[in-house]
Amino acid sequence: MKYGYIKVKVEEMRIKKGISKNKLCHAAELERKQLNAYCRGEIVRIDLNVLARLCAALECSINDLLEYVSK
């Protein structure tokens, strides 16, 4: 990890906004398995359409969902 990594903060934002996983799945048009992967930070390839839907559903910006962490 000499370049650092991208921290996925979907779960933090979901809790901050007080929205259940079921409601977020519905609002962002995601399957529960897909949302769980984002919430646990287990995604390898980020789908920009999914991020856009999450931003819209959570009424936040991309900076609220992703963070670059250097070494």
N, C-alpha and C. Protein backbone atom coordinates (compact mmCIF):
# COMPACT_ATOMS: atom_id res chain seq x y z
N MET A 1 0.82 -1.20 0.00
CA MET A 1 0.00 0.00 0.00
C MET A 1 0.86 1.26 0.00
N LYS A 2 1.79 1.32 -0.88
CA LYS A 2 2.67 2.49 -0.89
C LYS A 2 1.97 3.75 -1.39
N TYR A 3 0.80 3.59 -1.99
CA TYR A 3 0.07 4.74 -2.50
C TYR A 3 -1.05 5.20 -1.58
N GLY A 4 -1.30 4.49 -0.52
CA GLY A 4 -2.45 4.78 0.33
C GLY A 4 -3.66 4.01 -0.17
N TYR A 5 -4.83 4.43 0.26
CA TYR A 5 -6.05 3.72 -0.16
C TYR A 5 -7.25 4.67 -0.09
N ILE A 6 -8.34 4.22 -0.67
CA ILE A 6 -9.60 4.97 -0.65
C ILE A 6 -10.49 4.37 0.43
N LYS A 7 -10.90 5.18 1.38
CA LYS A 7 -11.81 4.75 2.44
C LYS A 7 -13.24 5.02 1.98
N VAL A 8 -14.07 4.00 2.04
CA VAL A 8 -15.47 4.13 1.66
C VAL A 8 -16.28 4.39 2.94
N LYS A 9 -17.01 5.50 2.97
CA LYS A 9 -17.70 5.93 4.18
C LYS A 9 -19.22 5.91 4.04
N VAL A 10 -19.73 4.97 3.25
CA VAL A 10 -21.18 4.89 3.03
C VAL A 10 -21.90 4.57 4.34
N GLU A 11 -21.39 3.63 5.10
CA GLU A 11 -22.05 3.25 6.35
C GLU A 11 -22.06 4.42 7.34
N GLU A 12 -20.96 5.14 7.43
CA GLU A 12 -20.91 6.30 8.32
C GLU A 12 -21.98 7.33 7.94
N MET A 13 -22.09 7.60 6.65
CA MET A 13 -23.06 8.59 6.19
C MET A 13 -24.49 8.08 6.37
N ARG A 14 -24.71 6.79 6.15
CA ARG A 14 -26.05 6.22 6.34
C ARG A 14 -26.49 6.40 7.79
N ILE A 15 -25.60 6.11 8.72
CA ILE A 15 -25.92 6.26 10.14
C ILE A 15 -26.12 7.73 10.49
N LYS A 16 -25.25 8.59 9.98
CA LYS A 16 -25.35 10.03 10.24
C LYS A 16 -26.69 10.58 9.77
N LYS A 17 -27.15 10.11 8.62
CA LYS A 17 -28.42 10.58 8.06
C LYS A 17 -29.63 9.88 8.69
N GLY A 18 -29.39 8.80 9.45
CA GLY A 18 -30.48 8.10 10.12
C GLY A 18 -31.40 7.35 9.18
N ILE A 19 -30.84 6.77 8.14
CA ILE A 19 -31.65 6.03 7.17
C ILE A 19 -31.32 4.53 7.29
N SER A 20 -32.33 3.71 7.24
CA SER A 20 -32.12 2.27 7.34
C SER A 20 -31.53 1.74 6.03
N LYS A 21 -30.94 0.58 6.12
CA LYS A 21 -30.39 -0.04 4.91
C LYS A 21 -31.50 -0.34 3.91
N ASN A 22 -32.65 -0.77 4.40
CA ASN A 22 -33.77 -1.06 3.50
C ASN A 22 -34.21 0.18 2.74
N LYS A 23 -34.35 1.30 3.45
CA LYS A 23 -34.77 2.55 2.79
C LYS A 23 -33.71 3.03 1.81
N LEU A 24 -32.44 2.88 2.19
CA LEU A 24 -31.36 3.31 1.30
C LEU A 24 -31.31 2.44 0.05
N CYS A 25 -31.50 1.15 0.21
CA CYS A 25 -31.55 0.25 -0.95
C CYS A 25 -32.65 0.68 -1.92
N HIS A 26 -33.79 0.97 -1.37
CA HIS A 26 -34.92 1.38 -2.20
C HIS A 26 -34.64 2.72 -2.89
N ALA A 27 -34.18 3.70 -2.11
CA ALA A 27 -33.94 5.05 -2.65
C ALA A 27 -32.83 5.06 -3.69
N ALA A 28 -31.80 4.26 -3.50
CA ALA A 28 -30.65 4.24 -4.42
C ALA A 28 -30.75 3.13 -5.46
N GLU A 29 -31.86 2.38 -5.42
CA GLU A 29 -32.09 1.29 -6.37
C GLU A 29 -30.93 0.29 -6.37
N LEU A 30 -30.59 -0.18 -5.16
CA LEU A 30 -29.51 -1.15 -5.00
C LEU A 30 -30.06 -2.43 -4.38
N GLU A 31 -29.39 -3.54 -4.68
CA GLU A 31 -29.70 -4.78 -3.99
C GLU A 31 -28.99 -4.72 -2.64
N ARG A 32 -29.54 -5.40 -1.65
CA ARG A 32 -28.99 -5.37 -0.30
C ARG A 32 -27.54 -5.86 -0.27
N LYS A 33 -27.24 -6.89 -1.04
CA LYS A 33 -25.88 -7.43 -1.10
C LYS A 33 -24.89 -6.37 -1.60
N GLN A 34 -25.32 -5.62 -2.59
CA GLN A 34 -24.47 -4.56 -3.15
C GLN A 34 -24.25 -3.44 -2.13
N LEU A 35 -25.31 -3.02 -1.45
CA LEU A 35 -25.19 -1.98 -0.44
C LEU A 35 -24.29 -2.45 0.70
N ASN A 36 -24.45 -3.69 1.13
CA ASN A 36 -23.62 -4.22 2.21
C ASN A 36 -22.14 -4.16 1.85
N ALA A 37 -21.81 -4.45 0.61
CA ALA A 37 -20.41 -4.40 0.17
C ALA A 37 -19.87 -2.97 0.28
N TYR A 38 -20.68 -1.99 -0.10
CA TYR A 38 -20.26 -0.59 0.03
C TYR A 38 -20.15 -0.20 1.50
N CYS A 39 -21.09 -0.63 2.30
CA CYS A 39 -21.07 -0.29 3.74
C CYS A 39 -19.87 -0.89 4.45
N ARG A 40 -19.45 -2.07 4.04
CA ARG A 40 -18.31 -2.73 4.67
C ARG A 40 -16.99 -2.34 4.02
N GLY A 41 -17.04 -1.55 2.97
CA GLY A 41 -15.83 -1.15 2.27
C GLY A 41 -15.16 -2.30 1.54
N GLU A 42 -15.95 -3.26 1.11
CA GLU A 42 -15.43 -4.45 0.46
C GLU A 42 -15.48 -4.39 -1.06
N ILE A 43 -15.71 -3.23 -1.60
CA ILE A 43 -15.78 -3.11 -3.06
C ILE A 43 -14.38 -2.93 -3.63
N VAL A 44 -14.18 -3.47 -4.81
CA VAL A 44 -12.88 -3.36 -5.48
C VAL A 44 -12.98 -2.38 -6.63
N ARG A 45 -14.07 -2.46 -7.36
CA ARG A 45 -14.30 -1.54 -8.48
C ARG A 45 -15.52 -0.69 -8.16
N ILE A 46 -15.32 0.59 -8.22
CA ILE A 46 -16.41 1.51 -7.87
C ILE A 46 -17.23 1.82 -9.10
N ASP A 47 -18.53 1.68 -8.98
CA ASP A 47 -19.48 2.00 -10.04
C ASP A 47 -19.93 3.44 -9.84
N LEU A 48 -19.61 4.31 -10.78
CA LEU A 48 -19.94 5.73 -10.65
C LEU A 48 -21.44 5.97 -10.60
N ASN A 49 -22.21 5.15 -11.30
CA ASN A 49 -23.67 5.29 -11.26
C ASN A 49 -24.20 4.97 -9.86
N VAL A 50 -23.63 3.97 -9.22
CA VAL A 50 -24.04 3.61 -7.86
C VAL A 50 -23.69 4.75 -6.91
N LEU A 51 -22.49 5.31 -7.05
CA LEU A 51 -22.11 6.44 -6.19
C LEU A 51 -23.04 7.63 -6.38
N ALA A 52 -23.41 7.90 -7.61
CA ALA A 52 -24.33 9.01 -7.88
C ALA A 52 -25.68 8.76 -7.21
N ARG A 53 -26.18 7.54 -7.29
CA ARG A 53 -27.46 7.22 -6.66
C ARG A 53 -27.37 7.30 -5.14
N LEU A 54 -26.24 6.85 -4.58
CA LEU A 54 -26.05 6.96 -3.13
C LEU A 54 -25.98 8.42 -2.69
N CYS A 55 -25.27 9.24 -3.44
CA CYS A 55 -25.20 10.68 -3.12
C CYS A 55 -26.60 11.31 -3.15
N ALA A 56 -27.37 10.97 -4.15
CA ALA A 56 -28.73 11.52 -4.26
C ALA A 56 -29.59 11.04 -3.10
N ALA A 57 -29.54 9.76 -2.80
CA ALA A 57 -30.38 9.19 -1.74
C ALA A 57 -29.99 9.72 -0.36
N LEU A 58 -28.69 9.94 -0.15
CA LEU A 58 -28.21 10.41 1.15
C LEU A 58 -28.09 11.93 1.22
N GLU A 59 -28.38 12.58 0.08
CA GLU A 59 -28.29 14.04 -0.01
C GLU A 59 -26.93 14.52 0.49
N CYS A 60 -25.88 13.98 -0.16
CA CYS A 60 -24.53 14.33 0.23
C CYS A 60 -23.66 14.45 -1.02
N SER A 61 -22.41 14.81 -0.83
CA SER A 61 -21.47 14.89 -1.95
C SER A 61 -20.58 13.66 -1.97
N ILE A 62 -19.86 13.51 -3.05
CA ILE A 62 -18.95 12.37 -3.18
C ILE A 62 -17.88 12.41 -2.09
N ASN A 63 -17.49 13.61 -1.66
CA ASN A 63 -16.49 13.74 -0.59
C ASN A 63 -16.98 13.16 0.72
N ASP A 64 -18.28 13.09 0.89
CA ASP A 64 -18.84 12.49 2.11
C ASP A 64 -18.76 10.97 2.09
N LEU A 65 -18.64 10.39 0.89
CA LEU A 65 -18.65 8.94 0.75
C LEU A 65 -17.28 8.32 0.55
N LEU A 66 -16.34 9.10 0.01
CA LEU A 66 -15.01 8.59 -0.27
C LEU A 66 -13.95 9.50 0.31
N GLU A 67 -12.87 8.88 0.79
CA GLU A 67 -11.77 9.66 1.35
C GLU A 67 -10.44 8.98 0.99
N TYR A 68 -9.51 9.77 0.49
CA TYR A 68 -8.18 9.22 0.21
C TYR A 68 -7.37 9.27 1.49
N VAL A 69 -6.80 8.12 1.86
CA VAL A 69 -5.95 8.02 3.05
C VAL A 69 -4.55 7.67 2.59
N SER A 70 -3.62 8.57 2.82
CA SER A 70 -2.23 8.27 2.44
C SER A 70 -1.63 7.35 3.46
N LYS A 71 -0.56 6.72 3.12
CA LYS A 71 0.11 5.76 4.01
C LYS A 71 -0.22 6.00 5.39
